[in-house]
Amino acid sequence: MSQFRSKVLDIGCFANIRNIRDHTKRKVFAANEPERQALRYIIRNTTLPQRVRAQAQLQLAQMHCYTRFTQIKNRCIMGGKGRGILSDFRMGRYQFRMNALAGNLPGVKKASW
């Protein structure tokens, strides 16, 4: 959502709308995760009064969807693809191959038998 998007993006890659949205979701999730964990702890704590637990559950339900971990999707930082992503490099298969062959990825070399 544009309400979370900053004016200056700190993305060091090709910026299409998918990458911008993914970057925004990751930043919003990281900023709100401590609050979500605290609310989840209150909800699961059975020693607390039921009213407090219900209020915490209501607050958690009213938080924006970008604060959930399930909203984050692994996307290629080069092209924005959503499938075939190598999570260690955050690149698609093809982009990984091209960058590895060009020598842009330190410590990666082609295996040959």
PDB file of N, CA and C in Angstrom:
ATOM      1  N   MET A   1       0.828  -1.187   0.000  1.00  0.00           N
ATOM      2  CA  MET A   1       0.000   0.000   0.000  1.00  0.00           C
ATOM      3  C   MET A   1       0.864   1.238   0.000  1.00  0.00           C
ATOM      4  N   SER A   2       0.363   2.270  -0.582  1.00  0.00           N
ATOM      5  CA  SER A   2       1.149   3.490  -0.684  1.00  0.00           C
ATOM      6  C   SER A   2       1.280   4.204   0.651  1.00  0.00           C
ATOM      7  N   GLN A   3       0.426   3.894   1.627  1.00  0.00           N
ATOM      8  CA  GLN A   3       0.543   4.553   2.932  1.00  0.00           C
ATOM      9  C   GLN A   3       1.817   4.141   3.658  1.00  0.00           C
ATOM     10  N   PHE A   4       2.364   2.978   3.341  1.00  0.00           N
ATOM     11  CA  PHE A   4       3.595   2.505   3.959  1.00  0.00           C
ATOM     12  C   PHE A   4       4.824   2.831   3.130  1.00  0.00           C
ATOM     13  N   ARG A   5       4.643   3.105   1.855  1.00  0.00           N
ATOM     14  CA  ARG A   5       5.773   3.279   0.958  1.00  0.00           C
ATOM     15  C   ARG A   5       6.499   4.581   1.247  1.00  0.00           C
ATOM     16  N   SER A   6       7.811   4.513   1.391  1.00  0.00           N
ATOM     17  CA  SER A   6       8.590   5.714   1.665  1.00  0.00           C
ATOM     18  C   SER A   6       8.840   6.481   0.375  1.00  0.00           C
ATOM     19  N   LYS A   7       9.183   7.739   0.512  1.00  0.00           N
ATOM     20  CA  LYS A   7       9.424   8.584  -0.658  1.00  0.00           C
ATOM     21  C   LYS A   7      10.700   8.181  -1.382  1.00  0.00           C
ATOM     22  N   VAL A   8      11.734   7.828  -0.611  1.00  0.00           N
ATOM     23  CA  VAL A   8      12.995   7.395  -1.186  1.00  0.00           C
ATOM     24  C   VAL A   8      13.172   5.915  -0.877  1.00  0.00           C
ATOM     25  N   LEU A   9      13.322   5.111  -1.916  1.00  0.00           N
ATOM     26  CA  LEU A   9      13.465   3.667  -1.734  1.00  0.00           C
ATOM     27  C   LEU A   9      14.934   3.302  -1.618  1.00  0.00           C
ATOM     28  N   ASP A  10      15.236   2.386  -0.706  1.00  0.00           N
ATOM     29  CA  ASP A  10      16.608   1.922  -0.541  1.00  0.00           C
ATOM     30  C   ASP A  10      16.774   0.532  -1.156  1.00  0.00           C
ATOM     31  N   ILE A  11      16.266   0.397  -2.374  1.00  0.00           N
ATOM     32  CA  ILE A  11      16.385  -0.858  -3.114  1.00  0.00           C
ATOM     33  C   ILE A  11      17.563  -0.702  -4.065  1.00  0.00           C
ATOM     34  N   GLY A  12      18.471  -1.645  -4.027  1.00  0.00           N
ATOM     35  CA  GLY A  12      19.626  -1.570  -4.902  1.00  0.00           C
ATOM     36  C   GLY A  12      19.473  -2.431  -6.134  1.00  0.00           C
ATOM     37  N   CYS A  13      18.297  -2.484  -6.719  1.00  0.00           N
ATOM     38  CA  CYS A  13      18.083  -3.345  -7.865  1.00  0.00           C
ATOM     39  C   CYS A  13      17.098  -2.686  -8.814  1.00  0.00           C
ATOM     40  N   PHE A  14      16.786  -3.386  -9.876  1.00  0.00           N
ATOM     41  CA  PHE A  14      15.791  -2.916 -10.826  1.00  0.00           C
ATOM     42  C   PHE A  14      14.457  -2.779 -10.109  1.00  0.00           C
ATOM     43  N   ALA A  15      13.850  -1.618 -10.155  1.00  0.00           N
ATOM     44  CA  ALA A  15      12.652  -1.364  -9.355  1.00  0.00           C
ATOM     45  C   ALA A  15      11.400  -1.424 -10.225  1.00  0.00           C
ATOM     46  N   ASN A  16      10.731  -2.564 -10.205  1.00  0.00           N
ATOM     47  CA  ASN A  16       9.397  -2.605 -10.771  1.00  0.00           C
ATOM     48  C   ASN A  16       8.408  -2.657  -9.610  1.00  0.00           C
ATOM     49  N   ILE A  17       7.144  -2.591  -9.890  1.00  0.00           N
ATOM     50  CA  ILE A  17       6.153  -2.451  -8.820  1.00  0.00           C
ATOM     51  C   ILE A  17       6.130  -3.666  -7.911  1.00  0.00           C
ATOM     52  N   ARG A  18       6.433  -4.850  -8.445  1.00  0.00           N
ATOM     53  CA  ARG A  18       6.446  -6.051  -7.599  1.00  0.00           C
ATOM     54  C   ARG A  18       7.557  -5.973  -6.563  1.00  0.00           C
ATOM     55  N   ASN A  19       8.726  -5.529  -6.988  1.00  0.00           N
ATOM     56  CA  ASN A  19       9.847  -5.410  -6.058  1.00  0.00           C
ATOM     57  C   ASN A  19       9.587  -4.330  -5.019  1.00  0.00           C
ATOM     58  N   ILE A  20       8.998  -3.233  -5.437  1.00  0.00           N
ATOM     59  CA  ILE A  20       8.692  -2.149  -4.504  1.00  0.00           C
ATOM     60  C   ILE A  20       7.688  -2.627  -3.464  1.00  0.00           C
ATOM     61  N   ARG A  21       6.665  -3.341  -3.901  1.00  0.00           N
ATOM     62  CA  ARG A  21       5.649  -3.841  -2.980  1.00  0.00           C
ATOM     63  C   ARG A  21       6.239  -4.864  -2.011  1.00  0.00           C
ATOM     64  N   ASP A  22       7.082  -5.754  -2.527  1.00  0.00           N
ATOM     65  CA  ASP A  22       7.721  -6.755  -1.675  1.00  0.00           C
ATOM     66  C   ASP A  22       8.633  -6.085  -0.652  1.00  0.00           C
ATOM     67  N   HIS A  23       9.387  -5.106  -1.092  1.00  0.00           N
ATOM     68  CA  HIS A  23      10.281  -4.374  -0.192  1.00  0.00           C
ATOM     69  C   HIS A  23       9.479  -3.664   0.906  1.00  0.00           C
ATOM     70  N   THR A  24       8.368  -3.055   0.519  1.00  0.00           N
ATOM     71  CA  THR A  24       7.498  -2.371   1.483  1.00  0.00           C
ATOM     72  C   THR A  24       6.942  -3.353   2.502  1.00  0.00           C
ATOM     73  N   LYS A  25       6.487  -4.505   2.040  1.00  0.00           N
ATOM     74  CA  LYS A  25       5.941  -5.516   2.947  1.00  0.00           C
ATOM     75  C   LYS A  25       6.983  -5.999   3.940  1.00  0.00           C
ATOM     76  N   ARG A  26       8.214  -6.209   3.467  1.00  0.00           N
ATOM     77  CA  ARG A  26       9.284  -6.659   4.362  1.00  0.00           C
ATOM     78  C   ARG A  26       9.608  -5.617   5.429  1.00  0.00           C
ATOM     79  N   LYS A  27       9.643  -4.354   5.049  1.00  0.00           N
ATOM     80  CA  LYS A  27       9.951  -3.298   6.020  1.00  0.00           C
ATOM     81  C   LYS A  27       8.832  -3.132   7.044  1.00  0.00           C
ATOM     82  N   VAL A  28       7.585  -3.166   6.592  1.00  0.00           N
ATOM     83  CA  VAL A  28       6.444  -3.020   7.500  1.00  0.00           C
ATOM     84  C   VAL A  28       6.381  -4.208   8.448  1.00  0.00           C
ATOM     85  N   PHE A  29       6.636  -5.417   7.936  1.00  0.00           N
ATOM     86  CA  PHE A  29       6.641  -6.594   8.786  1.00  0.00           C
ATOM     87  C   PHE A  29       7.711  -6.487   9.869  1.00  0.00           C
ATOM     88  N   ALA A  30       8.917  -6.077   9.480  1.00  0.00           N
ATOM     89  CA  ALA A  30      10.013  -5.958  10.451  1.00  0.00           C
ATOM     90  C   ALA A  30       9.723  -4.907  11.515  1.00  0.00           C
ATOM     91  N   ALA A  31       9.054  -3.837  11.122  1.00  0.00           N
ATOM     92  CA  ALA A  31       8.753  -2.773  12.083  1.00  0.00           C
ATOM     93  C   ALA A  31       7.675  -3.188  13.077  1.00  0.00           C
ATOM     94  N   ASN A  32       6.727  -4.008  12.655  1.00  0.00           N
ATOM     95  CA  ASN A  32       5.585  -4.354  13.504  1.00  0.00           C
ATOM     96  C   ASN A  32       5.669  -5.722  14.154  1.00  0.00           C
ATOM     97  N   GLU A  33       6.714  -6.493  13.874  1.00  0.00           N
ATOM     98  CA  GLU A  33       6.802  -7.847  14.415  1.00  0.00           C
ATOM     99  C   GLU A  33       6.869  -7.899  15.944  1.00  0.00           C
ATOM    100  N   PRO A  34       7.618  -7.025  16.642  1.00  0.00           N
ATOM    101  CA  PRO A  34       7.607  -7.100  18.117  1.00  0.00           C
ATOM    102  C   PRO A  34       6.215  -6.899  18.720  1.00  0.00           C
ATOM    103  N   GLU A  35       5.456  -5.980  18.151  1.00  0.00           N
ATOM    104  CA  GLU A  35       4.102  -5.745  18.647  1.00  0.00           C
ATOM    105  C   GLU A  35       3.208  -6.955  18.398  1.00  0.00           C
ATOM    106  N   ARG A  36       3.334  -7.565  17.233  1.00  0.00           N
ATOM    107  CA  ARG A  36       2.536  -8.758  16.927  1.00  0.00           C
ATOM    108  C   ARG A  36       2.905  -9.910  17.860  1.00  0.00           C
ATOM    109  N   GLN A  37       4.191 -10.088  18.147  1.00  0.00           N
ATOM    110  CA  GLN A  37       4.609 -11.155  19.047  1.00  0.00           C
ATOM    111  C   GLN A  37       4.070 -10.926  20.456  1.00  0.00           C
ATOM    112  N   ALA A  38       4.078  -9.666  20.913  1.00  0.00           N
ATOM    113  CA  ALA A  38       3.548  -9.363  22.242  1.00  0.00           C
ATOM    114  C   ALA A  38       2.055  -9.672  22.310  1.00  0.00           C
ATOM    115  N   LEU A  39       1.323  -9.292  21.282  1.00  0.00           N
ATOM    116  CA  LEU A  39      -0.120  -9.564  21.268  1.00  0.00           C
ATOM    117  C   LEU A  39      -0.391 -11.066  21.211  1.00  0.00           C
ATOM    118  N   ARG A  40       0.389 -11.806  20.428  1.00  0.00           N
ATOM    119  CA  ARG A  40       0.210 -13.263  20.371  1.00  0.00           C
ATOM    120  C   ARG A  40       0.518 -13.914  21.716  1.00  0.00           C
ATOM    121  N   TYR A  41       1.525 -13.389  22.424  1.00  0.00           N
ATOM    122  CA  TYR A  41       1.851 -13.917  23.747  1.00  0.00           C
ATOM    123  C   TYR A  41       0.692 -13.675  24.720  1.00  0.00           C
ATOM    124  N   ILE A  42       0.108 -12.496  24.667  1.00  0.00           N
ATOM    125  CA  ILE A  42      -1.028 -12.186  25.549  1.00  0.00           C
ATOM    126  C   ILE A  42      -2.207 -13.093  25.233  1.00  0.00           C
ATOM    127  N   ILE A  43      -2.465 -13.317  23.958  1.00  0.00           N
ATOM    128  CA  ILE A  43      -3.609 -14.151  23.563  1.00  0.00           C
ATOM    129  C   ILE A  43      -3.427 -15.587  24.049  1.00  0.00           C
ATOM    130  N   ARG A  44      -2.212 -16.103  23.983  1.00  0.00           N
ATOM    131  CA  ARG A  44      -1.965 -17.498  24.364  1.00  0.00           C
ATOM    132  C   ARG A  44      -1.792 -17.713  25.861  1.00  0.00           C
ATOM    133  N   ASN A  45      -1.583 -16.653  26.612  1.00  0.00           N
ATOM    134  CA  ASN A  45      -1.354 -16.766  28.053  1.00  0.00           C
ATOM    135  C   ASN A  45      -2.685 -17.007  28.763  1.00  0.00           C
ATOM    136  N   THR A  46      -2.890 -18.208  29.262  1.00  0.00           N
ATOM    137  CA  THR A  46      -4.170 -18.565  29.875  1.00  0.00           C
ATOM    138  C   THR A  46      -4.313 -18.042  31.298  1.00  0.00           C
ATOM    139  N   THR A  47      -3.242 -17.534  31.889  1.00  0.00           N
ATOM    140  CA  THR A  47      -3.341 -16.998  33.252  1.00  0.00           C
ATOM    141  C   THR A  47      -3.916 -15.588  33.271  1.00  0.00           C
ATOM    142  N   LEU A  48      -3.939 -14.926  32.130  1.00  0.00           N
ATOM    143  CA  LEU A  48      -4.494 -13.572  32.061  1.00  0.00           C
ATOM    144  C   LEU A  48      -6.015 -13.629  31.991  1.00  0.00           C
ATOM    145  N   PRO A  49      -6.681 -12.545  32.399  1.00  0.00           N
ATOM    146  CA  PRO A  49      -8.157 -12.521  32.304  1.00  0.00           C
ATOM    147  C   PRO A  49      -8.626 -12.627  30.851  1.00  0.00           C
ATOM    148  N   GLN A  50      -9.799 -13.188  30.674  1.00  0.00           N
ATOM    149  CA  GLN A  50     -10.349 -13.407  29.336  1.00  0.00           C
ATOM    150  C   GLN A  50     -10.568 -12.090  28.598  1.00  0.00           C
ATOM    151  N   ARG A  51     -10.935 -11.051  29.328  1.00  0.00           N
ATOM    152  CA  ARG A  51     -11.194  -9.747  28.700  1.00  0.00           C
ATOM    153  C   ARG A  51      -9.917  -9.169  28.066  1.00  0.00           C
ATOM    154  N   VAL A  52      -8.801  -9.278  28.777  1.00  0.00           N
ATOM    155  CA  VAL A  52      -7.523  -8.775  28.258  1.00  0.00           C
ATOM    156  C   VAL A  52      -7.116  -9.557  27.013  1.00  0.00           C
ATOM    157  N   ARG A  53      -7.290 -10.865  27.060  1.00  0.00           N
ATOM    158  CA  ARG A  53      -6.943 -11.704  25.924  1.00  0.00           C
ATOM    159  C   ARG A  53      -7.827 -11.388  24.720  1.00  0.00           C
ATOM    160  N   ALA A  54      -9.102 -11.119  24.953  1.00  0.00           N
ATOM    161  CA  ALA A  54     -10.022 -10.782  23.858  1.00  0.00           C
ATOM    162  C   ALA A  54      -9.653  -9.430  23.240  1.00  0.00           C
ATOM    163  N   GLN A  55      -9.249  -8.457  24.076  1.00  0.00           N
ATOM    164  CA  GLN A  55      -8.832  -7.156  23.547  1.00  0.00           C
ATOM    165  C   GLN A  55      -7.569  -7.288  22.697  1.00  0.00           C
ATOM    166  N   ALA A  56      -6.642  -8.123  23.152  1.00  0.00           N
ATOM    167  CA  ALA A  56      -5.418  -8.339  22.390  1.00  0.00           C
ATOM    168  C   ALA A  56      -5.732  -9.009  21.049  1.00  0.00           C
ATOM    169  N   GLN A  57      -6.669  -9.945  21.070  1.00  0.00           N
ATOM    170  CA  GLN A  57      -7.054 -10.619  19.841  1.00  0.00           C
ATOM    171  C   GLN A  57      -7.707  -9.643  18.865  1.00  0.00           C
ATOM    172  N   LEU A  58      -8.503  -8.717  19.384  1.00  0.00           N
ATOM    173  CA  LEU A  58      -9.136  -7.709  18.540  1.00  0.00           C
ATOM    174  C   LEU A  58      -8.092  -6.771  17.935  1.00  0.00           C
ATOM    175  N   GLN A  59      -7.110  -6.364  18.740  1.00  0.00           N
ATOM    176  CA  GLN A  59      -6.047  -5.499  18.237  1.00  0.00           C
ATOM    177  C   GLN A  59      -5.232  -6.200  17.145  1.00  0.00           C
ATOM    178  N   LEU A  60      -4.954  -7.461  17.361  1.00  0.00           N
ATOM    179  CA  LEU A  60      -4.189  -8.225  16.377  1.00  0.00           C
ATOM    180  C   LEU A  60      -4.964  -8.354  15.068  1.00  0.00           C
ATOM    181  N   ALA A  61      -6.255  -8.557  15.160  1.00  0.00           N
ATOM    182  CA  ALA A  61      -7.082  -8.699  13.962  1.00  0.00           C
ATOM    183  C   ALA A  61      -7.205  -7.382  13.202  1.00  0.00           C
ATOM    184  N   GLN A  62      -7.082  -6.250  13.901  1.00  0.00           N
ATOM    185  CA  GLN A  62      -7.234  -4.952  13.258  1.00  0.00           C
ATOM    186  C   GLN A  62      -5.932  -4.419  12.657  1.00  0.00           C
ATOM    187  N   MET A  63      -4.821  -5.104  12.891  1.00  0.00           N
ATOM    188  CA  MET A  63      -3.564  -4.667  12.297  1.00  0.00           C
ATOM    189  C   MET A  63      -3.591  -4.883  10.788  1.00  0.00           C
ATOM    190  N   HIS A  64      -2.823  -4.084  10.077  1.00  0.00           N
ATOM    191  CA  HIS A  64      -2.810  -4.154   8.613  1.00  0.00           C
ATOM    192  C   HIS A  64      -2.253  -5.497   8.147  1.00  0.00           C
ATOM    193  N   CYS A  65      -2.690  -5.931   6.988  1.00  0.00           N
ATOM    194  CA  CYS A  65      -2.270  -7.239   6.484  1.00  0.00           C
ATOM    195  C   CYS A  65      -0.786  -7.275   6.131  1.00  0.00           C
ATOM    196  N   TYR A  66      -0.170  -6.132   5.847  1.00  0.00           N
ATOM    197  CA  TYR A  66       1.255  -6.116   5.529  1.00  0.00           C
ATOM    198  C   TYR A  66       2.112  -6.446   6.741  1.00  0.00           C
ATOM    199  N   THR A  67       1.546  -6.462   7.927  1.00  0.00           N
ATOM    200  CA  THR A  67       2.315  -6.788   9.125  1.00  0.00           C
ATOM    201  C   THR A  67       2.406  -8.293   9.351  1.00  0.00           C
ATOM    202  N   ARG A  68       1.746  -9.088   8.502  1.00  0.00           N
ATOM    203  CA  ARG A  68       1.783 -10.546   8.637  1.00  0.00           C
ATOM    204  C   ARG A  68       2.934 -11.137   7.828  1.00  0.00           C
ATOM    205  N   PHE A  69       3.510 -12.196   8.379  1.00  0.00           N
ATOM    206  CA  PHE A  69       4.618 -12.873   7.701  1.00  0.00           C
ATOM    207  C   PHE A  69       4.152 -13.543   6.417  1.00  0.00           C
ATOM    208  N   THR A  70       2.912 -13.984   6.373  1.00  0.00           N
ATOM    209  CA  THR A  70       2.422 -14.705   5.200  1.00  0.00           C
ATOM    210  C   THR A  70       2.290 -13.802   3.980  1.00  0.00           C
ATOM    211  N   GLN A  71       2.341 -12.496   4.155  1.00  0.00           N
ATOM    212  CA  GLN A  71       2.250 -11.577   3.029  1.00  0.00           C
ATOM    213  C   GLN A  71       3.563 -11.479   2.262  1.00  0.00           C
ATOM    214  N   ILE A  72       4.660 -11.876   2.902  1.00  0.00           N
ATOM    215  CA  ILE A  72       5.963 -11.775   2.261  1.00  0.00           C
ATOM    216  C   ILE A  72       6.151 -12.943   1.303  1.00  0.00           C
ATOM    217  N   LYS A  73       6.518 -12.617   0.071  1.00  0.00           N
ATOM    218  CA  LYS A  73       6.771 -13.648  -0.930  1.00  0.00           C
ATOM    219  C   LYS A  73       8.191 -13.458  -1.427  1.00  0.00           C
ATOM    220  N   ASN A  74       8.912 -14.569  -1.571  1.00  0.00           N
ATOM    221  CA  ASN A  74      10.259 -14.480  -2.114  1.00  0.00           C
ATOM    222  C   ASN A  74      10.174 -14.098  -3.578  1.00  0.00           C
ATOM    223  N   ARG A  75      10.819 -12.985  -3.927  1.00  0.00           N
ATOM    224  CA  ARG A  75      10.840 -12.503  -5.295  1.00  0.00           C
ATOM    225  C   ARG A  75      12.264 -12.253  -5.728  1.00  0.00           C
ATOM    226  N   CYS A  76      12.495 -12.402  -7.012  1.00  0.00           N
ATOM    227  CA  CYS A  76      13.803 -12.129  -7.581  1.00  0.00           C
ATOM    228  C   CYS A  76      14.089 -10.630  -7.477  1.00  0.00           C
ATOM    229  N   ILE A  77      15.252 -10.279  -6.950  1.00  0.00           N
ATOM    230  CA  ILE A  77      15.574  -8.868  -6.796  1.00  0.00           C
ATOM    231  C   ILE A  77      15.964  -8.229  -8.126  1.00  0.00           C
ATOM    232  N   MET A  78      16.218  -9.029  -9.121  1.00  0.00           N
ATOM    233  CA  MET A  78      16.588  -8.494 -10.431  1.00  0.00           C
ATOM    234  C   MET A  78      15.365  -8.248 -11.321  1.00  0.00           C
ATOM    235  N   GLY A  79      14.497  -9.236 -11.403  1.00  0.00           N
ATOM    236  CA  GLY A  79      13.396  -9.118 -12.344  1.00  0.00           C
ATOM    237  C   GLY A  79      12.017  -9.141 -11.731  1.00  0.00           C
ATOM    238  N   GLY A  80      11.904  -9.507 -10.461  1.00  0.00           N
ATOM    239  CA  GLY A  80      10.607  -9.527  -9.805  1.00  0.00           C
ATOM    240  C   GLY A  80       9.845 -10.826  -9.959  1.00  0.00           C
ATOM    241  N   LYS A  81      10.483 -11.866 -10.514  1.00  0.00           N
ATOM    242  CA  LYS A  81       9.796 -13.147 -10.660  1.00  0.00           C
ATOM    243  C   LYS A  81       9.438 -13.717  -9.299  1.00  0.00           C
ATOM    244  N   GLY A  82       8.341 -14.459  -9.239  1.00  0.00           N
ATOM    245  CA  GLY A  82       7.899 -15.033  -7.988  1.00  0.00           C
ATOM    246  C   GLY A  82       8.105 -16.529  -7.882  1.00  0.00           C
ATOM    247  N   ARG A  83       8.638 -17.142  -8.920  1.00  0.00           N
ATOM    248  CA  ARG A  83       8.850 -18.588  -8.914  1.00  0.00           C
ATOM    249  C   ARG A  83      10.296 -18.912  -9.249  1.00  0.00           C
ATOM    250  N   GLY A  84      10.761 -20.050  -8.768  1.00  0.00           N
ATOM    251  CA  GLY A  84      12.112 -20.491  -9.056  1.00  0.00           C
ATOM    252  C   GLY A  84      13.153 -19.612  -8.405  1.00  0.00           C
ATOM    253  N   ILE A  85      12.924 -19.225  -7.158  1.00  0.00           N
ATOM    254  CA  ILE A  85      13.814 -18.305  -6.459  1.00  0.00           C
ATOM    255  C   ILE A  85      14.779 -19.092  -5.575  1.00  0.00           C
ATOM    256  N   LEU A  86      16.070 -18.790  -5.686  1.00  0.00           N
ATOM    257  CA  LEU A  86      17.068 -19.349  -4.783  1.00  0.00           C
ATOM    258  C   LEU A  86      17.141 -18.410  -3.581  1.00  0.00           C
ATOM    259  N   SER A  87      16.701 -18.896  -2.429  1.00  0.00           N
ATOM    260  CA  SER A  87      16.523 -18.014  -1.280  1.00  0.00           C
ATOM    261  C   SER A  87      17.831 -17.466  -0.735  1.00  0.00           C
ATOM    262  N   ASP A  88      18.950 -18.178  -0.915  1.00  0.00           N
ATOM    263  CA  ASP A  88      20.229 -17.665  -0.423  1.00  0.00           C
ATOM    264  C   ASP A  88      20.657 -16.397  -1.147  1.00  0.00           C
ATOM    265  N   PHE A  89      20.282 -16.291  -2.419  1.00  0.00           N
ATOM    266  CA  PHE A  89      20.702 -15.155  -3.231  1.00  0.00           C
ATOM    267  C   PHE A  89      19.552 -14.214  -3.575  1.00  0.00           C
ATOM    268  N   ARG A  90      18.320 -14.633  -3.298  1.00  0.00           N
ATOM    269  CA  ARG A  90      17.111 -13.890  -3.642  1.00  0.00           C
ATOM    270  C   ARG A  90      17.074 -13.551  -5.128  1.00  0.00           C
ATOM    271  N   MET A  91      17.413 -14.550  -5.934  1.00  0.00           N
ATOM    272  CA  MET A  91      17.395 -14.401  -7.391  1.00  0.00           C
ATOM    273  C   MET A  91      16.673 -15.570  -8.016  1.00  0.00           C
ATOM    274  N   GLY A  92      16.106 -15.309  -9.186  1.00  0.00           N
ATOM    275  CA  GLY A  92      15.502 -16.371  -9.969  1.00  0.00           C
ATOM    276  C   GLY A  92      16.579 -17.276 -10.538  1.00  0.00           C
ATOM    277  N   ARG A  93      16.169 -18.449 -11.001  1.00  0.00           N
ATOM    278  CA  ARG A  93      17.129 -19.422 -11.525  1.00  0.00           C
ATOM    279  C   ARG A  93      17.958 -18.852 -12.673  1.00  0.00           C
ATOM    280  N   TYR A  94      17.286 -18.217 -13.610  1.00  0.00           N
ATOM    281  CA  TYR A  94      17.972 -17.706 -14.792  1.00  0.00           C
ATOM    282  C   TYR A  94      18.915 -16.555 -14.424  1.00  0.00           C
ATOM    283  N   GLN A  95      18.448 -15.628 -13.591  1.00  0.00           N
ATOM    284  CA  GLN A  95      19.302 -14.511 -13.173  1.00  0.00           C
ATOM    285  C   GLN A  95      20.509 -15.012 -12.395  1.00  0.00           C
ATOM    286  N   PHE A  96      20.286 -16.031 -11.553  1.00  0.00           N
ATOM    287  CA  PHE A  96      21.395 -16.615 -10.803  1.00  0.00           C
ATOM    288  C   PHE A  96      22.427 -17.198 -11.759  1.00  0.00           C
ATOM    289  N   ARG A  97      21.954 -17.919 -12.759  1.00  0.00           N
ATOM    290  CA  ARG A  97      22.870 -18.542 -13.726  1.00  0.00           C
ATOM    291  C   ARG A  97      23.666 -17.480 -14.480  1.00  0.00           C
ATOM    292  N   MET A  98      22.995 -16.434 -14.950  1.00  0.00           N
ATOM    293  CA  MET A  98      23.672 -15.386 -15.705  1.00  0.00           C
ATOM    294  C   MET A  98      24.709 -14.661 -14.844  1.00  0.00           C
ATOM    295  N   ASN A  99      24.357 -14.357 -13.603  1.00  0.00           N
ATOM    296  CA  ASN A  99      25.285 -13.649 -12.712  1.00  0.00           C
ATOM    297  C   ASN A  99      26.441 -14.545 -12.285  1.00  0.00           C
ATOM    298  N   ALA A 100      26.165 -15.821 -12.079  1.00  0.00           N
ATOM    299  CA  ALA A 100      27.236 -16.745 -11.697  1.00  0.00           C
ATOM    300  C   ALA A 100      28.228 -16.940 -12.842  1.00  0.00           C
ATOM    301  N   LEU A 101      27.728 -17.089 -14.062  1.00  0.00           N
ATOM    302  CA  LEU A 101      28.606 -17.263 -15.217  1.00  0.00           C
ATOM    303  C   LEU A 101      29.423 -16.006 -15.506  1.00  0.00           C
ATOM    304  N   ALA A 102      28.833 -14.839 -15.202  1.00  0.00           N
ATOM    305  CA  ALA A 102      29.545 -13.577 -15.422  1.00  0.00           C
ATOM    306  C   ALA A 102      30.552 -13.300 -14.307  1.00  0.00           C
ATOM    307  N   GLY A 103      30.481 -14.080 -13.214  1.00  0.00           N
ATOM    308  CA  GLY A 103      31.412 -13.886 -12.109  1.00  0.00           C
ATOM    309  C   GLY A 103      30.991 -12.809 -11.137  1.00  0.00           C
ATOM    310  N   ASN A 104      29.718 -12.446 -11.135  1.00  0.00           N
ATOM    311  CA  ASN A 104      29.222 -11.390 -10.249  1.00  0.00           C
ATOM    312  C   ASN A 104      28.896 -11.875  -8.844  1.00  0.00           C
ATOM    313  N   LEU A 105      28.842 -13.183  -8.639  1.00  0.00           N
ATOM    314  CA  LEU A 105      28.514 -13.741  -7.333  1.00  0.00           C
ATOM    315  C   LEU A 105      29.779 -14.335  -6.720  1.00  0.00           C
ATOM    316  N   PRO A 106      30.306 -13.726  -5.677  1.00  0.00           N
ATOM    317  CA  PRO A 106      31.545 -14.239  -5.093  1.00  0.00           C
ATOM    318  C   PRO A 106      31.327 -15.608  -4.433  1.00  0.00           C
ATOM    319  N   GLY A 107      32.252 -16.510  -4.649  1.00  0.00           N
ATOM    320  CA  GLY A 107      32.186 -17.829  -4.047  1.00  0.00           C
ATOM    321  C   GLY A 107      31.370 -18.825  -4.812  1.00  0.00           C
ATOM    322  N   VAL A 108      30.811 -18.434  -5.966  1.00  0.00           N
ATOM    323  CA  VAL A 108      30.001 -19.337  -6.764  1.00  0.00           C
ATOM    324  C   VAL A 108      30.747 -19.635  -8.050  1.00  0.00           C
ATOM    325  N   LYS A 109      30.916 -20.915  -8.337  1.00  0.00           N
ATOM    326  CA  LYS A 109      31.528 -21.281  -9.609  1.00  0.00           C
ATOM    327  C   LYS A 109      30.779 -22.458 -10.190  1.00  0.00           C
ATOM    328  N   LYS A 110      30.894 -22.604 -11.484  1.00  0.00           N
ATOM    329  CA  LYS A 110      30.181 -23.653 -12.192  1.00  0.00           C
ATOM    330  C   LYS A 110      30.810 -25.004 -11.874  1.00  0.00           C
ATOM    331  N   ALA A 111      29.976 -25.953 -11.533  1.00  0.00           N
ATOM    332  CA  ALA A 111      30.460 -27.301 -11.269  1.00  0.00           C
ATOM    333  C   ALA A 111      30.497 -28.072 -12.571  1.00  0.00           C
ATOM    334  N   SER A 112      31.593 -28.741 -12.804  1.00  0.00           N
ATOM    335  CA  SER A 112      31.694 -29.575 -14.011  1.00  0.00           C
ATOM    336  C   SER A 112      32.426 -30.853 -13.658  1.00  0.00           C
ATOM    337  N   TRP A 113      31.974 -31.944 -14.268  1.00  0.00           N
ATOM    338  CA  TRP A 113      32.570 -33.235 -13.969  1.00  0.00           C
ATOM    339  C   TRP A 113      33.389 -33.708 -15.130  1.00  0.00           C
TER     340      TRP A 113
END
